């Protein structure tokens, strides 16, 4: 038997209520995100000293690490939302998963590209079939598979259920990505900021990275709320409140 959800979650899952809330959240999330990204970029690209081994080339971590972190975090958001939709039959949860997928795929692609750009001067090659790199590439294929599977169904309910199952199956890849540098001997460097008691990075390099991660995360949430608004309107286009919003947007445009 599924555990009953609290009343506030049922209210949050109401499409018109969530649509209005998302509009407010998007505005409050975007500007702090841009401010954090600007501050983190300045700290990482200008204030942080060169790495004693990698020189100036280490600075790509200020894009690569937040992108790689978000590639995994967004997949977990997608998987949790998929499970919520399957168990409690909440349509908004499936909308969250569907809206997260293209954003997660974008960050995963960015992580792979920036990793290749860093790897070429450091390893002497753009790509190696390293455990971390290969599992990250599999993550990109999981995102693309989720998106394509949804598009293969005309029936929205079937698309939600089938893609949710795929999202849950793919969760097994997340710990593989995270622990690959510990479980196997790889070219990819080991944990740095995750060792909170003794991070393998100095504070003048660490704080801009943490600010960039915060900025990227806020930016994801801002973009997600925007995508969700469109997804909710598409799903609820026959509802009166949705038709009024669509009509108002058309008149304003």
C-alpha atoms as a PDB file:
ATOM      1  CA  UNK A   1       0.000   0.000   0.000  1.00  0.00           C
ATOM      2  CA  UNK A   2       1.365   3.434  -0.957  1.00  0.00           C
ATOM      3  CA  UNK A   3       1.959   5.907   1.869  1.00  0.00           C
ATOM      4  CA  UNK A   4      -0.507   8.790   1.789  1.00  0.00           C
ATOM      5  CA  UNK A   5       0.958  12.147   0.839  1.00  0.00           C
ATOM      6  CA  UNK A   6       0.450  15.143   3.164  1.00  0.00           C
ATOM      7  CA  UNK A   7      -2.179  17.707   2.221  1.00  0.00           C
ATOM      8  CA  UNK A   8       0.357  20.410   1.313  1.00  0.00           C
ATOM      9  CA  UNK A   9       1.911  18.119  -1.319  1.00  0.00           C
ATOM     10  CA  UNK A  10      -1.510  17.524  -2.875  1.00  0.00           C
ATOM     11  CA  UNK A  11      -2.034  21.304  -3.000  1.00  0.00           C
ATOM     12  CA  UNK A  12       1.410  21.796  -4.541  1.00  0.00           C
ATOM     13  CA  UNK A  13       0.568  19.183  -7.188  1.00  0.00           C
ATOM     14  CA  UNK A  14      -2.490  21.178  -8.277  1.00  0.00           C
ATOM     15  CA  UNK A  15      -1.614  22.405 -11.821  1.00  0.00           C
ATOM     16  CA  UNK A  16      -3.030  25.977 -11.533  1.00  0.00           C
ATOM     17  CA  UNK A  17      -1.513  26.457  -8.070  1.00  0.00           C
ATOM     18  CA  UNK A  18       1.865  25.164  -9.185  1.00  0.00           C
ATOM     19  CA  UNK A  19       1.826  27.240 -12.377  1.00  0.00           C
ATOM     20  CA  UNK A  20       1.425  30.444 -10.376  1.00  0.00           C
ATOM     21  CA  UNK A  21       4.052  29.372  -7.851  1.00  0.00           C
ATOM     22  CA  UNK A  22       6.523  28.486 -10.609  1.00  0.00           C
ATOM     23  CA  UNK A  23       6.133  31.940 -12.131  1.00  0.00           C
ATOM     24  CA  UNK A  24       7.125  33.533  -8.813  1.00  0.00           C
ATOM     25  CA  UNK A  25       9.986  31.094  -8.151  1.00  0.00           C
ATOM     26  CA  UNK A  26      11.517  31.568 -11.599  1.00  0.00           C
ATOM     27  CA  UNK A  27      11.918  35.293 -11.019  1.00  0.00           C
ATOM     28  CA  UNK A  28      13.443  34.794  -7.576  1.00  0.00           C
ATOM     29  CA  UNK A  29      15.841  32.084  -8.763  1.00  0.00           C
ATOM     30  CA  UNK A  30      17.231  33.544 -11.987  1.00  0.00           C
ATOM     31  CA  UNK A  31      18.936  36.684 -10.685  1.00  0.00           C
ATOM     32  CA  UNK A  32      20.672  34.999  -7.709  1.00  0.00           C
ATOM     33  CA  UNK A  33      21.803  32.287 -10.134  1.00  0.00           C
ATOM     34  CA  UNK A  34      23.362  34.815 -12.502  1.00  0.00           C
ATOM     35  CA  UNK A  35      24.959  36.693  -9.590  1.00  0.00           C
ATOM     36  CA  UNK A  36      26.527  33.496  -8.221  1.00  0.00           C
ATOM     37  CA  UNK A  37      27.793  32.459 -11.655  1.00  0.00           C
ATOM     38  CA  UNK A  38      29.326  35.915 -12.224  1.00  0.00           C
ATOM     39  CA  UNK A  39      30.990  35.942  -8.782  1.00  0.00           C
ATOM     40  CA  UNK A  40      32.211  32.363  -9.126  1.00  0.00           C
ATOM     41  CA  UNK A  41      33.570  32.978 -12.617  1.00  0.00           C
ATOM     42  CA  UNK A  42      35.457  36.067 -11.470  1.00  0.00           C
ATOM     43  CA  UNK A  43      36.847  34.248  -8.449  1.00  0.00           C
ATOM     44  CA  UNK A  44      37.870  31.213 -10.457  1.00  0.00           C
ATOM     45  CA  UNK A  45      39.169  32.872 -13.610  1.00  0.00           C
ATOM     46  CA  UNK A  46      40.748  36.008 -12.110  1.00  0.00           C
ATOM     47  CA  UNK A  47      41.363  35.688  -8.364  1.00  0.00           C
ATOM     48  CA  UNK A  48      42.308  32.017  -7.994  1.00  0.00           C
ATOM     49  CA  UNK A  49      46.034  31.295  -8.487  1.00  0.00           C
ATOM     50  CA  UNK A  50      47.228  28.839 -11.160  1.00  0.00           C
ATOM     51  CA  UNK A  51      47.418  25.205 -10.123  1.00  0.00           C
ATOM     52  CA  UNK A  52      50.957  24.093  -9.302  1.00  0.00           C
ATOM     53  CA  UNK A  53      50.676  21.088 -11.644  1.00  0.00           C
ATOM     54  CA  UNK A  54      48.029  21.978 -14.236  1.00  0.00           C
ATOM     55  CA  UNK A  55      48.795  25.691 -14.511  1.00  0.00           C
ATOM     56  CA  UNK A  56      46.003  27.816 -15.980  1.00  0.00           C
ATOM     57  CA  UNK A  57      44.327  24.771 -17.541  1.00  0.00           C
ATOM     58  CA  UNK A  58      42.756  23.798 -14.224  1.00  0.00           C
ATOM     59  CA  UNK A  59      40.292  26.709 -14.501  1.00  0.00           C
ATOM     60  CA  UNK A  60      37.957  24.677 -16.696  1.00  0.00           C
ATOM     61  CA  UNK A  61      36.843  22.934 -13.498  1.00  0.00           C
ATOM     62  CA  UNK A  62      34.664  25.971 -12.769  1.00  0.00           C
ATOM     63  CA  UNK A  63      32.398  24.843 -15.604  1.00  0.00           C
ATOM     64  CA  UNK A  64      33.176  21.138 -15.747  1.00  0.00           C
ATOM     65  CA  UNK A  65      32.600  20.245 -12.090  1.00  0.00           C
ATOM     66  CA  UNK A  66      29.234  22.056 -11.705  1.00  0.00           C
ATOM     67  CA  UNK A  67      28.060  20.538 -15.013  1.00  0.00           C
ATOM     68  CA  UNK A  68      29.089  17.017 -13.972  1.00  0.00           C
ATOM     69  CA  UNK A  69      27.479  17.465 -10.550  1.00  0.00           C
ATOM     70  CA  UNK A  70      24.223  18.669 -12.093  1.00  0.00           C
ATOM     71  CA  UNK A  71      24.212  15.874 -14.672  1.00  0.00           C
ATOM     72  CA  UNK A  72      23.859  13.389 -11.811  1.00  0.00           C
ATOM     73  CA  UNK A  73      21.689  15.525  -9.529  1.00  0.00           C
ATOM     74  CA  UNK A  74      19.155  16.231 -12.274  1.00  0.00           C
ATOM     75  CA  UNK A  75      18.924  12.547 -13.129  1.00  0.00           C
ATOM     76  CA  UNK A  76      18.112  11.804  -9.499  1.00  0.00           C
ATOM     77  CA  UNK A  77      15.434  14.534  -9.583  1.00  0.00           C
ATOM     78  CA  UNK A  78      14.040  12.909 -12.726  1.00  0.00           C
ATOM     79  CA  UNK A  79      14.086   9.449 -11.146  1.00  0.00           C
ATOM     80  CA  UNK A  80      12.455  10.564  -7.879  1.00  0.00           C
ATOM     81  CA  UNK A  81       9.782  12.456  -9.811  1.00  0.00           C
ATOM     82  CA  UNK A  82       9.182   9.383 -11.997  1.00  0.00           C
ATOM     83  CA  UNK A  83       8.808   7.153  -8.946  1.00  0.00           C
ATOM     84  CA  UNK A  84       6.416   9.663  -7.360  1.00  0.00           C
ATOM     85  CA  UNK A  85       4.336   9.726 -10.520  1.00  0.00           C
ATOM     86  CA  UNK A  86       4.191   5.946 -10.742  1.00  0.00           C
ATOM     87  CA  UNK A  87       3.377   5.344  -7.067  1.00  0.00           C
ATOM     88  CA  UNK A  88       0.976   8.202  -6.341  1.00  0.00           C
ATOM     89  CA  UNK A  89      -0.203   8.838  -9.934  1.00  0.00           C
ATOM     90  CA  UNK A  90       0.613  12.527  -9.697  1.00  0.00           C
ATOM     91  CA  UNK A  91       0.709  14.012 -13.195  1.00  0.00           C
ATOM     92  CA  UNK A  92       2.801  16.966 -12.085  1.00  0.00           C
ATOM     93  CA  UNK A  93       5.559  14.584 -10.975  1.00  0.00           C
ATOM     94  CA  UNK A  94       5.755  13.155 -14.507  1.00  0.00           C
ATOM     95  CA  UNK A  95       5.852  16.737 -15.796  1.00  0.00           C
ATOM     96  CA  UNK A  96       8.855  17.436 -13.536  1.00  0.00           C
ATOM     97  CA  UNK A  97      10.650  14.366 -14.914  1.00  0.00           C
ATOM     98  CA  UNK A  98       9.838  15.268 -18.519  1.00  0.00           C
ATOM     99  CA  UNK A  99      11.009  18.861 -18.027  1.00  0.00           C
ATOM    100  CA  UNK A 100      14.221  17.794 -16.279  1.00  0.00           C
ATOM    101  CA  UNK A 101      15.414  15.432 -19.020  1.00  0.00           C
ATOM    102  CA  UNK A 102      16.516  17.942 -21.705  1.00  0.00           C
ATOM    103  CA  UNK A 103      18.169  20.157 -19.092  1.00  0.00           C
ATOM    104  CA  UNK A 104      20.034  17.193 -17.623  1.00  0.00           C
ATOM    105  CA  UNK A 105      21.121  16.062 -21.083  1.00  0.00           C
ATOM    106  CA  UNK A 106      22.499  19.556 -21.777  1.00  0.00           C
ATOM    107  CA  UNK A 107      24.577  19.618 -18.591  1.00  0.00           C
ATOM    108  CA  UNK A 108      25.819  16.070 -19.243  1.00  0.00           C
ATOM    109  CA  UNK A 109      26.913  17.055 -22.751  1.00  0.00           C
ATOM    110  CA  UNK A 110      28.643  20.148 -21.351  1.00  0.00           C
ATOM    111  CA  UNK A 111      30.441  18.014 -18.754  1.00  0.00           C
ATOM    112  CA  UNK A 112      31.687  15.640 -21.461  1.00  0.00           C
ATOM    113  CA  UNK A 113      32.831  18.458 -23.755  1.00  0.00           C
ATOM    114  CA  UNK A 114      34.661  20.395 -21.022  1.00  0.00           C
ATOM    115  CA  UNK A 115      36.201  17.143 -19.793  1.00  0.00           C
ATOM    116  CA  UNK A 116      37.515  16.469 -23.297  1.00  0.00           C
ATOM    117  CA  UNK A 117      38.899  20.008 -23.578  1.00  0.00           C
ATOM    118  CA  UNK A 118      40.698  19.542 -20.251  1.00  0.00           C
ATOM    119  CA  UNK A 119      41.863  16.017 -21.089  1.00  0.00           C
ATOM    120  CA  UNK A 120      43.568  16.885 -24.367  1.00  0.00           C
ATOM    121  CA  UNK A 121      46.424  18.955 -22.850  1.00  0.00           C
ATOM    122  CA  UNK A 122      46.546  16.981 -19.578  1.00  0.00           C
ATOM    123  CA  UNK A 123      46.303  13.419 -20.942  1.00  0.00           C
ATOM    124  CA  UNK A 124      47.348  14.058 -24.529  1.00  0.00           C
ATOM    125  CA  UNK A 125      44.009  12.848 -25.896  1.00  0.00           C
ATOM    126  CA  UNK A 126      40.443  14.125 -26.195  1.00  0.00           C
ATOM    127  CA  UNK A 127      38.893  10.856 -25.029  1.00  0.00           C
ATOM    128  CA  UNK A 128      39.767   7.627 -23.240  1.00  0.00           C
ATOM    129  CA  UNK A 129      37.441   4.797 -22.293  1.00  0.00           C
ATOM    130  CA  UNK A 130      37.945   5.657 -18.668  1.00  0.00           C
ATOM    131  CA  UNK A 131      35.395   4.358 -16.140  1.00  0.00           C
ATOM    132  CA  UNK A 132      34.236   7.863 -15.153  1.00  0.00           C
ATOM    133  CA  UNK A 133      34.045   9.140 -18.737  1.00  0.00           C
ATOM    134  CA  UNK A 134      32.315   6.022 -20.045  1.00  0.00           C
ATOM    135  CA  UNK A 135      29.680   5.992 -17.303  1.00  0.00           C
ATOM    136  CA  UNK A 136      29.065   9.717 -17.887  1.00  0.00           C
ATOM    137  CA  UNK A 137      28.569   9.004 -21.600  1.00  0.00           C
ATOM    138  CA  UNK A 138      26.084   6.260 -20.668  1.00  0.00           C
ATOM    139  CA  UNK A 139      24.252   8.868 -18.594  1.00  0.00           C
ATOM    140  CA  UNK A 140      23.887  11.046 -21.694  1.00  0.00           C
ATOM    141  CA  UNK A 141      22.465   8.054 -23.589  1.00  0.00           C
ATOM    142  CA  UNK A 142      20.002   7.449 -20.736  1.00  0.00           C
ATOM    143  CA  UNK A 143      18.786  11.046 -20.973  1.00  0.00           C
ATOM    144  CA  UNK A 144      18.443  10.813 -24.747  1.00  0.00           C
ATOM    145  CA  UNK A 145      16.741   7.421 -24.461  1.00  0.00           C
ATOM    146  CA  UNK A 146      14.244   8.871 -21.975  1.00  0.00           C
ATOM    147  CA  UNK A 147      13.471  11.792 -24.313  1.00  0.00           C
ATOM    148  CA  UNK A 148      13.104   9.562 -27.388  1.00  0.00           C
ATOM    149  CA  UNK A 149      10.978   7.021 -25.533  1.00  0.00           C
ATOM    150  CA  UNK A 150       8.546   9.732 -24.467  1.00  0.00           C
ATOM    151  CA  UNK A 151       8.340  10.971 -28.053  1.00  0.00           C
ATOM    152  CA  UNK A 152       7.545   7.457 -29.311  1.00  0.00           C
ATOM    153  CA  UNK A 153       4.121   7.438 -27.606  1.00  0.00           C
ATOM    154  CA  UNK A 154       1.113   9.441 -28.717  1.00  0.00           C
ATOM    155  CA  UNK A 155      -0.683   8.583 -25.490  1.00  0.00           C
ATOM    156  CA  UNK A 156       0.670  10.825 -22.708  1.00  0.00           C
ATOM    157  CA  UNK A 157      -0.155   8.353 -19.950  1.00  0.00           C
ATOM    158  CA  UNK A 158       1.760   5.536 -21.643  1.00  0.00           C
ATOM    159  CA  UNK A 159       4.673   7.892 -22.323  1.00  0.00           C
ATOM    160  CA  UNK A 160       4.777   8.869 -18.641  1.00  0.00           C
ATOM    161  CA  UNK A 161       4.775   5.271 -17.409  1.00  0.00           C
ATOM    162  CA  UNK A 162       7.266   3.863 -19.919  1.00  0.00           C
ATOM    163  CA  UNK A 163       9.757   6.697 -19.511  1.00  0.00           C
ATOM    164  CA  UNK A 164       9.416   6.548 -15.713  1.00  0.00           C
ATOM    165  CA  UNK A 165      10.446   2.883 -15.725  1.00  0.00           C
ATOM    166  CA  UNK A 166      13.487   3.699 -17.867  1.00  0.00           C
ATOM    167  CA  UNK A 167      14.450   6.540 -15.532  1.00  0.00           C
ATOM    168  CA  UNK A 168      14.299   4.233 -12.514  1.00  0.00           C
ATOM    169  CA  UNK A 169      16.320   1.498 -14.203  1.00  0.00           C
ATOM    170  CA  UNK A 170      19.010   4.014 -15.137  1.00  0.00           C
ATOM    171  CA  UNK A 171      19.524   5.080 -11.504  1.00  0.00           C
ATOM    172  CA  UNK A 172      22.041   2.254 -11.125  1.00  0.00           C
ATOM    173  CA  UNK A 173      24.467   4.284 -13.241  1.00  0.00           C
ATOM    174  CA  UNK A 174      24.626   7.205 -10.784  1.00  0.00           C
ATOM    175  CA  UNK A 175      26.674   5.474  -8.030  1.00  0.00           C
ATOM    176  CA  UNK A 176      28.872   3.977 -10.751  1.00  0.00           C
ATOM    177  CA  UNK A 177      29.732   7.497 -11.978  1.00  0.00           C
ATOM    178  CA  UNK A 178      30.300   8.793  -8.458  1.00  0.00           C
ATOM    179  CA  UNK A 179      32.431   5.919  -7.142  1.00  0.00           C
ATOM    180  CA  UNK A 180      34.176   4.911 -10.386  1.00  0.00           C
ATOM    181  CA  UNK A 181      37.371   6.750  -9.428  1.00  0.00           C
ATOM    182  CA  UNK A 182      37.424   4.814  -6.145  1.00  0.00           C
ATOM    183  CA  UNK A 183      36.388   1.374  -7.388  1.00  0.00           C
ATOM    184  CA  UNK A 184      38.691   1.279 -10.408  1.00  0.00           C
ATOM    185  CA  UNK A 185      42.084   2.594 -11.431  1.00  0.00           C
ATOM    186  CA  UNK A 186      41.237   5.458 -13.795  1.00  0.00           C
ATOM    187  CA  UNK A 187      42.925   8.445 -15.390  1.00  0.00           C
ATOM    188  CA  UNK A 188      40.292  10.728 -13.915  1.00  0.00           C
ATOM    189  CA  UNK A 189      41.414  12.419 -10.709  1.00  0.00           C
ATOM    190  CA  UNK A 190      39.922  11.263  -7.425  1.00  0.00           C
ATOM    191  CA  UNK A 191      37.508  13.095  -5.097  1.00  0.00           C
ATOM    192  CA  UNK A 192      38.395  16.674  -4.209  1.00  0.00           C
ATOM    193  CA  UNK A 193      35.630  18.799  -2.683  1.00  0.00           C
ATOM    194  CA  UNK A 194      33.642  15.741  -1.540  1.00  0.00           C
ATOM    195  CA  UNK A 195      36.306  15.170   1.135  1.00  0.00           C
ATOM    196  CA  UNK A 196      34.861  17.850   3.382  1.00  0.00           C
ATOM    197  CA  UNK A 197      37.248  17.128   6.254  1.00  0.00           C
ATOM    198  CA  UNK A 198      40.311  17.576   4.027  1.00  0.00           C
ATOM    199  CA  UNK A 199      39.449  18.772   0.489  1.00  0.00           C
ATOM    200  CA  UNK A 200      42.211  18.342  -2.109  1.00  0.00           C
ATOM    201  CA  UNK A 201      41.946  21.974  -3.181  1.00  0.00           C
ATOM    202  CA  UNK A 202      42.963  25.197  -1.457  1.00  0.00           C
ATOM    203  CA  UNK A 203      40.335  27.591  -0.170  1.00  0.00           C
ATOM    204  CA  UNK A 204      41.184  30.322  -2.692  1.00  0.00           C
ATOM    205  CA  UNK A 205      40.332  27.828  -5.445  1.00  0.00           C
ATOM    206  CA  UNK A 206      37.505  26.119  -3.547  1.00  0.00           C
ATOM    207  CA  UNK A 207      35.199  29.033  -2.744  1.00  0.00           C
ATOM    208  CA  UNK A 208      34.684  30.084  -6.395  1.00  0.00           C
ATOM    209  CA  UNK A 209      33.909  26.470  -7.265  1.00  0.00           C
ATOM    210  CA  UNK A 210      31.293  26.186  -4.519  1.00  0.00           C
ATOM    211  CA  UNK A 211      29.740  29.486  -5.633  1.00  0.00           C
ATOM    212  CA  UNK A 212      29.643  28.253  -9.244  1.00  0.00           C
ATOM    213  CA  UNK A 213      27.971  25.011  -8.177  1.00  0.00           C
ATOM    214  CA  UNK A 214      25.368  27.045  -6.269  1.00  0.00           C
ATOM    215  CA  UNK A 215      24.835  29.317  -9.279  1.00  0.00           C
ATOM    216  CA  UNK A 216      24.468  26.413 -11.697  1.00  0.00           C
ATOM    217  CA  UNK A 217      22.005  24.731  -9.334  1.00  0.00           C
ATOM    218  CA  UNK A 218      19.871  27.862  -9.014  1.00  0.00           C
ATOM    219  CA  UNK A 219      20.031  28.314 -12.785  1.00  0.00           C
ATOM    220  CA  UNK A 220      18.785  24.744 -13.266  1.00  0.00           C
ATOM    221  CA  UNK A 221      15.865  25.397 -10.929  1.00  0.00           C
ATOM    222  CA  UNK A 222      15.006  28.633 -12.751  1.00  0.00           C
ATOM    223  CA  UNK A 223      15.061  26.918 -16.153  1.00  0.00           C
ATOM    224  CA  UNK A 224      13.135  23.937 -14.746  1.00  0.00           C
ATOM    225  CA  UNK A 225      10.307  26.151 -13.503  1.00  0.00           C
ATOM    226  CA  UNK A 226      10.060  27.737 -16.955  1.00  0.00           C
ATOM    227  CA  UNK A 227       9.991  24.355 -18.694  1.00  0.00           C
ATOM    228  CA  UNK A 228       7.453  23.111 -16.180  1.00  0.00           C
ATOM    229  CA  UNK A 229       5.105  25.976 -16.887  1.00  0.00           C
ATOM    230  CA  UNK A 230       5.076  25.028 -20.563  1.00  0.00           C
ATOM    231  CA  UNK A 231       4.674  21.338 -19.768  1.00  0.00           C
ATOM    232  CA  UNK A 232       1.777  22.015 -17.377  1.00  0.00           C
ATOM    233  CA  UNK A 233       0.008  24.234 -19.910  1.00  0.00           C
ATOM    234  CA  UNK A 234       0.364  21.569 -22.590  1.00  0.00           C
ATOM    235  CA  UNK A 235      -1.066  18.903 -20.293  1.00  0.00           C
ATOM    236  CA  UNK A 236      -3.893  21.109 -19.021  1.00  0.00           C
ATOM    237  CA  UNK A 237      -4.718  22.931 -22.273  1.00  0.00           C
ATOM    238  CA  UNK A 238      -8.343  21.823 -22.098  1.00  0.00           C
ATOM    239  CA  UNK A 239      -8.794  23.294 -18.620  1.00  0.00           C
ATOM    240  CA  UNK A 240     -10.410  26.717 -18.399  1.00  0.00           C
ATOM    241  CA  UNK A 241      -7.572  28.316 -16.410  1.00  0.00           C
ATOM    242  CA  UNK A 242      -5.000  27.082 -18.943  1.00  0.00           C
ATOM    243  CA  UNK A 243      -7.029  28.303 -21.912  1.00  0.00           C
ATOM    244  CA  UNK A 244      -7.248  31.760 -20.316  1.00  0.00           C
ATOM    245  CA  UNK A 245      -3.460  31.903 -19.859  1.00  0.00           C
ATOM    246  CA  UNK A 246      -2.815  30.691 -23.400  1.00  0.00           C
ATOM    247  CA  UNK A 247      -5.280  33.204 -24.801  1.00  0.00           C
ATOM    248  CA  UNK A 248      -3.739  36.010 -22.758  1.00  0.00           C
ATOM    249  CA  UNK A 249      -0.221  35.112 -23.954  1.00  0.00           C
ATOM    250  CA  UNK A 250      -1.407  35.012 -27.567  1.00  0.00           C
ATOM    251  CA  UNK A 251      -3.048  38.431 -27.235  1.00  0.00           C
ATOM    252  CA  UNK A 252       0.075  39.899 -25.620  1.00  0.00           C
ATOM    253  CA  UNK A 253       2.296  38.421 -28.339  1.00  0.00           C
END
